[in-house]
Amino acid sequence: MAENAAESLQRGSRVIVQGTVRQRSYEDKEGVKRTVYEIQAEDIGCSLKFAACSVKKAERQDNPVPAGATANTDNGGFSDDPPF
């Protein structure tokens, strides 16, 4: 989905994202506690509020991941590593 979004959208494009918001905390290298918010996107689309877009069906991959599945199922695909 990320590759399709990168190829389809331009910087500054308004998008609509459907998914789950997750919050997690960690300590950075200096020992400061930080909190990040991440979206596990289920669907991404362009907003039609100020623009028009056309849809082109993506080519099917050899081993598609079933809808709703994630590569890492023990924690919803999120890691405990800092986001940088």
PDB file of N, CA and C in Angstrom:
ATOM      1  N   MET A   1       0.822  -1.177   0.000  1.00  0.00           N
ATOM      2  CA  MET A   1       0.000   0.000   0.000  1.00  0.00           C
ATOM      3  C   MET A   1       0.877   1.256   0.000  1.00  0.00           C
ATOM      4  N   ALA A   2       1.989   1.235   0.734  1.00  0.00           N
ATOM      5  CA  ALA A   2       2.870   2.398   0.783  1.00  0.00           C
ATOM      6  C   ALA A   2       3.476   2.694  -0.583  1.00  0.00           C
ATOM      7  N   GLU A   3       3.855   1.654  -1.310  1.00  0.00           N
ATOM      8  CA  GLU A   3       4.419   1.868  -2.646  1.00  0.00           C
ATOM      9  C   GLU A   3       3.381   2.478  -3.581  1.00  0.00           C
ATOM     10  N   ASN A   4       2.146   1.999  -3.527  1.00  0.00           N
ATOM     11  CA  ASN A   4       1.080   2.563  -4.358  1.00  0.00           C
ATOM     12  C   ASN A   4       0.817   4.022  -3.992  1.00  0.00           C
ATOM     13  N   ALA A   5       0.820   4.338  -2.702  1.00  0.00           N
ATOM     14  CA  ALA A   5       0.595   5.714  -2.270  1.00  0.00           C
ATOM     15  C   ALA A   5       1.729   6.611  -2.750  1.00  0.00           C
ATOM     16  N   ALA A   6       2.969   6.148  -2.620  1.00  0.00           N
ATOM     17  CA  ALA A   6       4.121   6.941  -3.050  1.00  0.00           C
ATOM     18  C   ALA A   6       4.083   7.207  -4.552  1.00  0.00           C
ATOM     19  N   GLU A   7       3.649   6.247  -5.329  1.00  0.00           N
ATOM     20  CA  GLU A   7       3.581   6.410  -6.780  1.00  0.00           C
ATOM     21  C   GLU A   7       2.367   7.236  -7.204  1.00  0.00           C
ATOM     22  N   SER A   8       1.301   7.216  -6.424  1.00  0.00           N
ATOM     23  CA  SER A   8       0.046   7.841  -6.819  1.00  0.00           C
ATOM     24  C   SER A   8      -0.123   9.268  -6.314  1.00  0.00           C
ATOM     25  N   LEU A   9       0.464   9.589  -5.176  1.00  0.00           N
ATOM     26  CA  LEU A   9       0.237  10.880  -4.545  1.00  0.00           C
ATOM     27  C   LEU A   9       1.458  11.780  -4.673  1.00  0.00           C
ATOM     28  N   GLN A  10       1.211  13.075  -4.603  1.00  0.00           N
ATOM     29  CA  GLN A  10       2.292  14.049  -4.625  1.00  0.00           C
ATOM     30  C   GLN A  10       2.403  14.694  -3.256  1.00  0.00           C
ATOM     31  N   ARG A  11       3.564  15.250  -2.960  1.00  0.00           N
ATOM     32  CA  ARG A  11       3.755  15.960  -1.702  1.00  0.00           C
ATOM     33  C   ARG A  11       2.726  17.085  -1.625  1.00  0.00           C
ATOM     34  N   GLY A  12       2.050  17.185  -0.501  1.00  0.00           N
ATOM     35  CA  GLY A  12       1.037  18.214  -0.313  1.00  0.00           C
ATOM     36  C   GLY A  12      -0.362  17.775  -0.695  1.00  0.00           C
ATOM     37  N   SER A  13      -0.516  16.576  -1.254  1.00  0.00           N
ATOM     38  CA  SER A  13      -1.842  16.077  -1.625  1.00  0.00           C
ATOM     39  C   SER A  13      -2.666  15.816  -0.369  1.00  0.00           C
ATOM     40  N   ARG A  14      -3.941  16.185  -0.419  1.00  0.00           N
ATOM     41  CA  ARG A  14      -4.846  15.849   0.684  1.00  0.00           C
ATOM     42  C   ARG A  14      -5.236  14.388   0.533  1.00  0.00           C
ATOM     43  N   VAL A  15      -5.155  13.645   1.618  1.00  0.00           N
ATOM     44  CA  VAL A  15      -5.506  12.228   1.587  1.00  0.00           C
ATOM     45  C   VAL A  15      -6.489  11.903   2.698  1.00  0.00           C
ATOM     46  N   ILE A  16      -7.148  10.789   2.543  1.00  0.00           N
ATOM     47  CA  ILE A  16      -8.031  10.244   3.569  1.00  0.00           C
ATOM     48  C   ILE A  16      -7.446   8.888   3.955  1.00  0.00           C
ATOM     49  N   VAL A  17      -7.221   8.692   5.250  1.00  0.00           N
ATOM     50  CA  VAL A  17      -6.642   7.440   5.741  1.00  0.00           C
ATOM     51  C   VAL A  17      -7.614   6.820   6.731  1.00  0.00           C
ATOM     52  N   GLN A  18      -7.903   5.546   6.527  1.00  0.00           N
ATOM     53  CA  GLN A  18      -8.735   4.794   7.462  1.00  0.00           C
ATOM     54  C   GLN A  18      -7.840   3.764   8.121  1.00  0.00           C
ATOM     55  N   GLY A  19      -7.908   3.691   9.436  1.00  0.00           N
ATOM     56  CA  GLY A  19      -7.079   2.719  10.136  1.00  0.00           C
ATOM     57  C   GLY A  19      -7.203   2.871  11.631  1.00  0.00           C
ATOM     58  N   THR A  20      -6.198   2.384  12.338  1.00  0.00           N
ATOM     59  CA  THR A  20      -6.178   2.389  13.786  1.00  0.00           C
ATOM     60  C   THR A  20      -5.029   3.265  14.271  1.00  0.00           C
ATOM     61  N   VAL A  21      -5.332   4.173  15.216  1.00  0.00           N
ATOM     62  CA  VAL A  21      -4.291   5.017  15.807  1.00  0.00           C
ATOM     63  C   VAL A  21      -3.750   4.294  17.028  1.00  0.00           C
ATOM     64  N   ARG A  22      -2.431   4.239  17.110  1.00  0.00           N
ATOM     65  CA  ARG A  22      -1.773   3.599  18.256  1.00  0.00           C
ATOM     66  C   ARG A  22      -0.842   4.598  18.922  1.00  0.00           C
ATOM     67  N   GLN A  23      -0.720   4.501  20.236  1.00  0.00           N
ATOM     68  CA  GLN A  23       0.195   5.342  20.992  1.00  0.00           C
ATOM     69  C   GLN A  23       1.200   4.436  21.681  1.00  0.00           C
ATOM     70  N   ARG A  24       2.463   4.843  21.665  1.00  0.00           N
ATOM     71  CA  ARG A  24       3.475   4.089  22.410  1.00  0.00           C
ATOM     72  C   ARG A  24       4.520   5.040  22.941  1.00  0.00           C
ATOM     73  N   SER A  25       5.182   4.633  24.006  1.00  0.00           N
ATOM     74  CA  SER A  25       6.222   5.445  24.630  1.00  0.00           C
ATOM     75  C   SER A  25       7.539   4.690  24.619  1.00  0.00           C
ATOM     76  N   TYR A  26       8.622   5.439  24.614  1.00  0.00           N
ATOM     77  CA  TYR A  26       9.964   4.866  24.647  1.00  0.00           C
ATOM     78  C   TYR A  26      10.912   5.898  25.222  1.00  0.00           C
ATOM     79  N   GLU A  27      12.119   5.459  25.559  1.00  0.00           N
ATOM     80  CA  GLU A  27      13.170   6.370  25.999  1.00  0.00           C
ATOM     81  C   GLU A  27      14.173   6.531  24.882  1.00  0.00           C
ATOM     82  N   ASP A  28      14.532   7.784  24.578  1.00  0.00           N
ATOM     83  CA  ASP A  28      15.517   8.010  23.523  1.00  0.00           C
ATOM     84  C   ASP A  28      16.923   7.782  24.067  1.00  0.00           C
ATOM     85  N   LYS A  29      17.926   8.001  23.227  1.00  0.00           N
ATOM     86  CA  LYS A  29      19.320   7.730  23.604  1.00  0.00           C
ATOM     87  C   LYS A  29      19.788   8.574  24.782  1.00  0.00           C
ATOM     88  N   GLU A  30      19.174   9.738  24.972  1.00  0.00           N
ATOM     89  CA  GLU A  30      19.540  10.620  26.088  1.00  0.00           C
ATOM     90  C   GLU A  30      18.738  10.319  27.346  1.00  0.00           C
ATOM     91  N   GLY A  31      17.868   9.318  27.310  1.00  0.00           N
ATOM     92  CA  GLY A  31      17.073   8.933  28.466  1.00  0.00           C
ATOM     93  C   GLY A  31      15.783   9.722  28.631  1.00  0.00           C
ATOM     94  N   VAL A  32      15.414  10.513  27.629  1.00  0.00           N
ATOM     95  CA  VAL A  32      14.180  11.292  27.680  1.00  0.00           C
ATOM     96  C   VAL A  32      13.017  10.413  27.222  1.00  0.00           C
ATOM     97  N   LYS A  33      11.940  10.395  28.028  1.00  0.00           N
ATOM     98  CA  LYS A  33      10.773   9.596  27.665  1.00  0.00           C
ATOM     99  C   LYS A  33       9.995  10.325  26.577  1.00  0.00           C
ATOM    100  N   ARG A  34       9.693   9.627  25.490  1.00  0.00           N
ATOM    101  CA  ARG A  34       8.969  10.198  24.355  1.00  0.00           C
ATOM    102  C   ARG A  34       7.722   9.362  24.081  1.00  0.00           C
ATOM    103  N   THR A  35       6.730  10.004  23.507  1.00  0.00           N
ATOM    104  CA  THR A  35       5.500   9.334  23.102  1.00  0.00           C
ATOM    105  C   THR A  35       5.279   9.600  21.627  1.00  0.00           C
ATOM    106  N   VAL A  36       4.934   8.565  20.877  1.00  0.00           N
ATOM    107  CA  VAL A  36       4.644   8.705  19.453  1.00  0.00           C
ATOM    108  C   VAL A  36       3.259   8.144  19.175  1.00  0.00           C
ATOM    109  N   TYR A  37       2.635   8.697  18.141  1.00  0.00           N
ATOM    110  CA  TYR A  37       1.346   8.225  17.674  1.00  0.00           C
ATOM    111  C   TYR A  37       1.542   7.716  16.259  1.00  0.00           C
ATOM    112  N   GLU A  38       1.053   6.523  15.994  1.00  0.00           N
ATOM    113  CA  GLU A  38       1.230   5.888  14.690  1.00  0.00           C
ATOM    114  C   GLU A  38      -0.133   5.453  14.163  1.00  0.00           C
ATOM    115  N   ILE A  39      -0.268   5.456  12.857  1.00  0.00           N
ATOM    116  CA  ILE A  39      -1.503   4.975  12.231  1.00  0.00           C
ATOM    117  C   ILE A  39      -1.198   3.690  11.488  1.00  0.00           C
ATOM    118  N   GLN A  40      -1.914   2.636  11.819  1.00  0.00           N
ATOM    119  CA  GLN A  40      -1.828   1.405  11.047  1.00  0.00           C
ATOM    120  C   GLN A  40      -2.920   1.526   9.991  1.00  0.00           C
ATOM    121  N   ALA A  41      -2.512   1.935   8.779  1.00  0.00           N
ATOM    122  CA  ALA A  41      -3.462   2.241   7.718  1.00  0.00           C
ATOM    123  C   ALA A  41      -4.081   0.976   7.145  1.00  0.00           C
ATOM    124  N   GLU A  42      -5.382   0.997   7.014  1.00  0.00           N
ATOM    125  CA  GLU A  42      -6.120  -0.074   6.353  1.00  0.00           C
ATOM    126  C   GLU A  42      -6.438   0.318   4.919  1.00  0.00           C
ATOM    127  N   ASP A  43      -6.623   1.642   4.709  1.00  0.00           N
ATOM    128  CA  ASP A  43      -6.991   2.141   3.389  1.00  0.00           C
ATOM    129  C   ASP A  43      -6.528   3.583   3.254  1.00  0.00           C
ATOM    130  N   ILE A  44      -6.081   3.953   2.065  1.00  0.00           N
ATOM    131  CA  ILE A  44      -5.639   5.313   1.775  1.00  0.00           C
ATOM    132  C   ILE A  44      -6.271   5.736   0.457  1.00  0.00           C
ATOM    133  N   GLY A  45      -6.747   6.967   0.409  1.00  0.00           N
ATOM    134  CA  GLY A  45      -7.328   7.486  -0.821  1.00  0.00           C
ATOM    135  C   GLY A  45      -7.100   8.978  -0.930  1.00  0.00           C
ATOM    136  N   CYS A  46      -7.234   9.516  -2.129  1.00  0.00           N
ATOM    137  CA  CYS A  46      -7.087  10.954  -2.297  1.00  0.00           C
ATOM    138  C   CYS A  46      -8.399  11.627  -1.926  1.00  0.00           C
ATOM    139  N   SER A  47      -8.284  12.815  -1.333  1.00  0.00           N
ATOM    140  CA  SER A  47      -9.452  13.600  -0.971  1.00  0.00           C
ATOM    141  C   SER A  47      -9.954  14.331  -2.211  1.00  0.00           C
ATOM    142  N   LEU A  48     -11.240  14.354  -2.397  1.00  0.00           N
ATOM    143  CA  LEU A  48     -11.836  15.030  -3.547  1.00  0.00           C
ATOM    144  C   LEU A  48     -12.363  16.423  -3.188  1.00  0.00           C
ATOM    145  N   LYS A  49     -12.025  16.919  -2.001  1.00  0.00           N
ATOM    146  CA  LYS A  49     -12.524  18.215  -1.569  1.00  0.00           C
ATOM    147  C   LYS A  49     -12.031  19.349  -2.475  1.00  0.00           C
ATOM    148  N   PHE A  50     -10.741  19.347  -2.838  1.00  0.00           N
ATOM    149  CA  PHE A  50     -10.181  20.411  -3.655  1.00  0.00           C
ATOM    150  C   PHE A  50      -9.507  19.894  -4.920  1.00  0.00           C
ATOM    151  N   ALA A  51      -9.687  18.634  -5.250  1.00  0.00           N
ATOM    152  CA  ALA A  51      -9.003  18.069  -6.415  1.00  0.00           C
ATOM    153  C   ALA A  51      -9.838  16.943  -7.009  1.00  0.00           C
ATOM    154  N   ALA A  52      -9.447  16.544  -8.209  1.00  0.00           N
ATOM    155  CA  ALA A  52     -10.047  15.382  -8.863  1.00  0.00           C
ATOM    156  C   ALA A  52      -8.953  14.339  -9.035  1.00  0.00           C
ATOM    157  N   CYS A  53      -9.317  13.100  -8.979  1.00  0.00           N
ATOM    158  CA  CYS A  53      -8.316  12.049  -9.193  1.00  0.00           C
ATOM    159  C   CYS A  53      -8.957  10.916  -9.988  1.00  0.00           C
ATOM    160  N   SER A  54      -8.115  10.096 -10.588  1.00  0.00           N
ATOM    161  CA  SER A  54      -8.607   8.937 -11.312  1.00  0.00           C
ATOM    162  C   SER A  54      -8.018   7.690 -10.671  1.00  0.00           C
ATOM    163  N   VAL A  55      -8.723   6.588 -10.808  1.00  0.00           N
ATOM    164  CA  VAL A  55      -8.309   5.346 -10.178  1.00  0.00           C
ATOM    165  C   VAL A  55      -7.764   4.401 -11.232  1.00  0.00           C
ATOM    166  N   LYS A  56      -6.604   3.827 -10.947  1.00  0.00           N
ATOM    167  CA  LYS A  56      -5.999   2.810 -11.798  1.00  0.00           C
ATOM    168  C   LYS A  56      -5.751   1.598 -10.917  1.00  0.00           C
ATOM    169  N   LYS A  57      -6.318   0.473 -11.272  1.00  0.00           N
ATOM    170  CA  LYS A  57      -6.164  -0.730 -10.466  1.00  0.00           C
ATOM    171  C   LYS A  57      -4.707  -1.168 -10.464  1.00  0.00           C
ATOM    172  N   ALA A  58      -4.176  -1.471  -9.283  1.00  0.00           N
ATOM    173  CA  ALA A  58      -2.790  -1.920  -9.136  1.00  0.00           C
ATOM    174  C   ALA A  58      -2.662  -3.348  -9.636  1.00  0.00           C
ATOM    175  N   GLU A  59      -1.485  -3.679 -10.161  1.00  0.00           N
ATOM    176  CA  GLU A  59      -1.236  -5.048 -10.607  1.00  0.00           C
ATOM    177  C   GLU A  59      -1.127  -5.956  -9.398  1.00  0.00           C
ATOM    178  N   ARG A  60      -1.633  -7.159  -9.537  1.00  0.00           N
ATOM    179  CA  ARG A  60      -1.600  -8.125  -8.441  1.00  0.00           C
ATOM    180  C   ARG A  60      -0.189  -8.669  -8.260  1.00  0.00           C
ATOM    181  N   GLN A  61       0.212  -8.818  -6.990  1.00  0.00           N
ATOM    182  CA  GLN A  61       1.518  -9.385  -6.670  1.00  0.00           C
ATOM    183  C   GLN A  61       1.413 -10.901  -6.616  1.00  0.00           C
ATOM    184  N   ASP A  62       2.578 -11.586  -6.676  1.00  0.00           N
ATOM    185  CA  ASP A  62       2.593 -13.058  -6.644  1.00  0.00           C
ATOM    186  C   ASP A  62       2.009 -13.609  -5.351  1.00  0.00           C
ATOM    187  N   ASN A  63       2.406 -13.040  -4.197  1.00  0.00           N
ATOM    188  CA  ASN A  63       1.937 -13.524  -2.902  1.00  0.00           C
ATOM    189  C   ASN A  63       1.255 -12.393  -2.149  1.00  0.00           C
ATOM    190  N   PRO A  64       0.024 -12.048  -2.510  1.00  0.00           N
ATOM    191  CA  PRO A  64      -0.641 -10.954  -1.804  1.00  0.00           C
ATOM    192  C   PRO A  64      -0.950 -11.327  -0.360  1.00  0.00           C
ATOM    193  N   VAL A  65      -0.882 -10.350   0.528  1.00  0.00           N
ATOM    194  CA  VAL A  65      -1.231 -10.566   1.927  1.00  0.00           C
ATOM    195  C   VAL A  65      -2.745 -10.458   2.035  1.00  0.00           C
ATOM    196  N   PRO A  66      -3.407 -11.418   2.668  1.00  0.00           N
ATOM    197  CA  PRO A  66      -4.860 -11.359   2.805  1.00  0.00           C
ATOM    198  C   PRO A  66      -5.296 -10.087   3.517  1.00  0.00           C
ATOM    199  N   ALA A  67      -6.487  -9.599   3.196  1.00  0.00           N
ATOM    200  CA  ALA A  67      -7.000  -8.374   3.812  1.00  0.00           C
ATOM    201  C   ALA A  67      -7.023  -8.523   5.323  1.00  0.00           C
ATOM    202  N   GLY A  68      -6.547  -7.509   6.009  1.00  0.00           N
ATOM    203  CA  GLY A  68      -6.546  -7.516   7.465  1.00  0.00           C
ATOM    204  C   GLY A  68      -5.347  -8.200   8.081  1.00  0.00           C
ATOM    205  N   ALA A  69      -4.510  -8.867   7.291  1.00  0.00           N
ATOM    206  CA  ALA A  69      -3.346  -9.551   7.845  1.00  0.00           C
ATOM    207  C   ALA A  69      -2.176  -8.593   7.927  1.00  0.00           C
ATOM    208  N   THR A  70      -1.297  -8.825   8.880  1.00  0.00           N
ATOM    209  CA  THR A  70      -0.070  -8.041   8.999  1.00  0.00           C
ATOM    210  C   THR A  70       1.110  -8.986   9.014  1.00  0.00           C
ATOM    211  N   ALA A  71       2.264  -8.455   8.655  1.00  0.00           N
ATOM    212  CA  ALA A  71       3.456  -9.282   8.620  1.00  0.00           C
ATOM    213  C   ALA A  71       3.896  -9.691  10.020  1.00  0.00           C
ATOM    214  N   ASN A  72       3.615  -8.867  11.020  1.00  0.00           N
ATOM    215  CA  ASN A  72       4.012  -9.151  12.386  1.00  0.00           C
ATOM    216  C   ASN A  72       2.749  -9.166  13.241  1.00  0.00           C
ATOM    217  N   THR A  73       2.199 -10.344  13.509  1.00  0.00           N
ATOM    218  CA  THR A  73       0.891 -10.431  14.152  1.00  0.00           C
ATOM    219  C   THR A  73       0.949 -10.368  15.668  1.00  0.00           C
ATOM    220  N   ASP A  74       2.129 -10.485  16.288  1.00  0.00           N
ATOM    221  CA  ASP A  74       2.176 -10.497  17.745  1.00  0.00           C
ATOM    222  C   ASP A  74       1.950  -9.121  18.354  1.00  0.00           C
ATOM    223  N   ASN A  75       2.237  -8.039  17.622  1.00  0.00           N
ATOM    224  CA  ASN A  75       2.008  -6.698  18.167  1.00  0.00           C
ATOM    225  C   ASN A  75       1.365  -5.771  17.147  1.00  0.00           C
ATOM    226  N   GLY A  76       0.632  -6.305  16.207  1.00  0.00           N
ATOM    227  CA  GLY A  76      -0.061  -5.485  15.238  1.00  0.00           C
ATOM    228  C   GLY A  76       0.837  -4.853  14.195  1.00  0.00           C
ATOM    229  N   GLY A  77       2.066  -5.357  14.036  1.00  0.00           N
ATOM    230  CA  GLY A  77       2.962  -4.812  13.039  1.00  0.00           C
ATOM    231  C   GLY A  77       3.796  -3.651  13.535  1.00  0.00           C
ATOM    232  N   PHE A  78       3.670  -3.279  14.800  1.00  0.00           N
ATOM    233  CA  PHE A  78       4.437  -2.180  15.349  1.00  0.00           C
ATOM    234  C   PHE A  78       5.642  -2.714  16.103  1.00  0.00           C
ATOM    235  N   SER A  79       6.725  -1.954  16.092  1.00  0.00           N
ATOM    236  CA  SER A  79       7.902  -2.371  16.835  1.00  0.00           C
ATOM    237  C   SER A  79       8.073  -1.470  18.060  1.00  0.00           C
ATOM    238  N   ASP A  80       8.925  -1.876  18.972  1.00  0.00           N
ATOM    239  CA  ASP A  80       9.226  -1.073  20.153  1.00  0.00           C
ATOM    240  C   ASP A  80      10.427  -0.169  19.911  1.00  0.00           C
ATOM    241  N   ASP A  81      10.968  -0.173  18.692  1.00  0.00           N
ATOM    242  CA  ASP A  81      12.108   0.662  18.386  1.00  0.00           C
ATOM    243  C   ASP A  81      11.682   2.113  18.223  1.00  0.00           C
ATOM    244  N   PRO A  82      12.576   3.055  18.532  1.00  0.00           N
ATOM    245  CA  PRO A  82      12.266   4.463  18.293  1.00  0.00           C
ATOM    246  C   PRO A  82      11.989   4.693  16.812  1.00  0.00           C
ATOM    247  N   PRO A  83      11.154   5.677  16.467  1.00  0.00           N
ATOM    248  CA  PRO A  83      10.752   5.877  15.063  1.00  0.00           C
ATOM    249  C   PRO A  83      11.772   6.600  14.215  1.00  0.00           C
ATOM    250  N   PHE A  84      13.058   6.468  14.524  1.00  0.00           N
ATOM    251  CA  PHE A  84      14.094   7.098  13.685  1.00  0.00           C
ATOM    252  C   PHE A  84      15.305   6.229  13.605  1.00  0.00           C
TER     253      PHE A  84
END
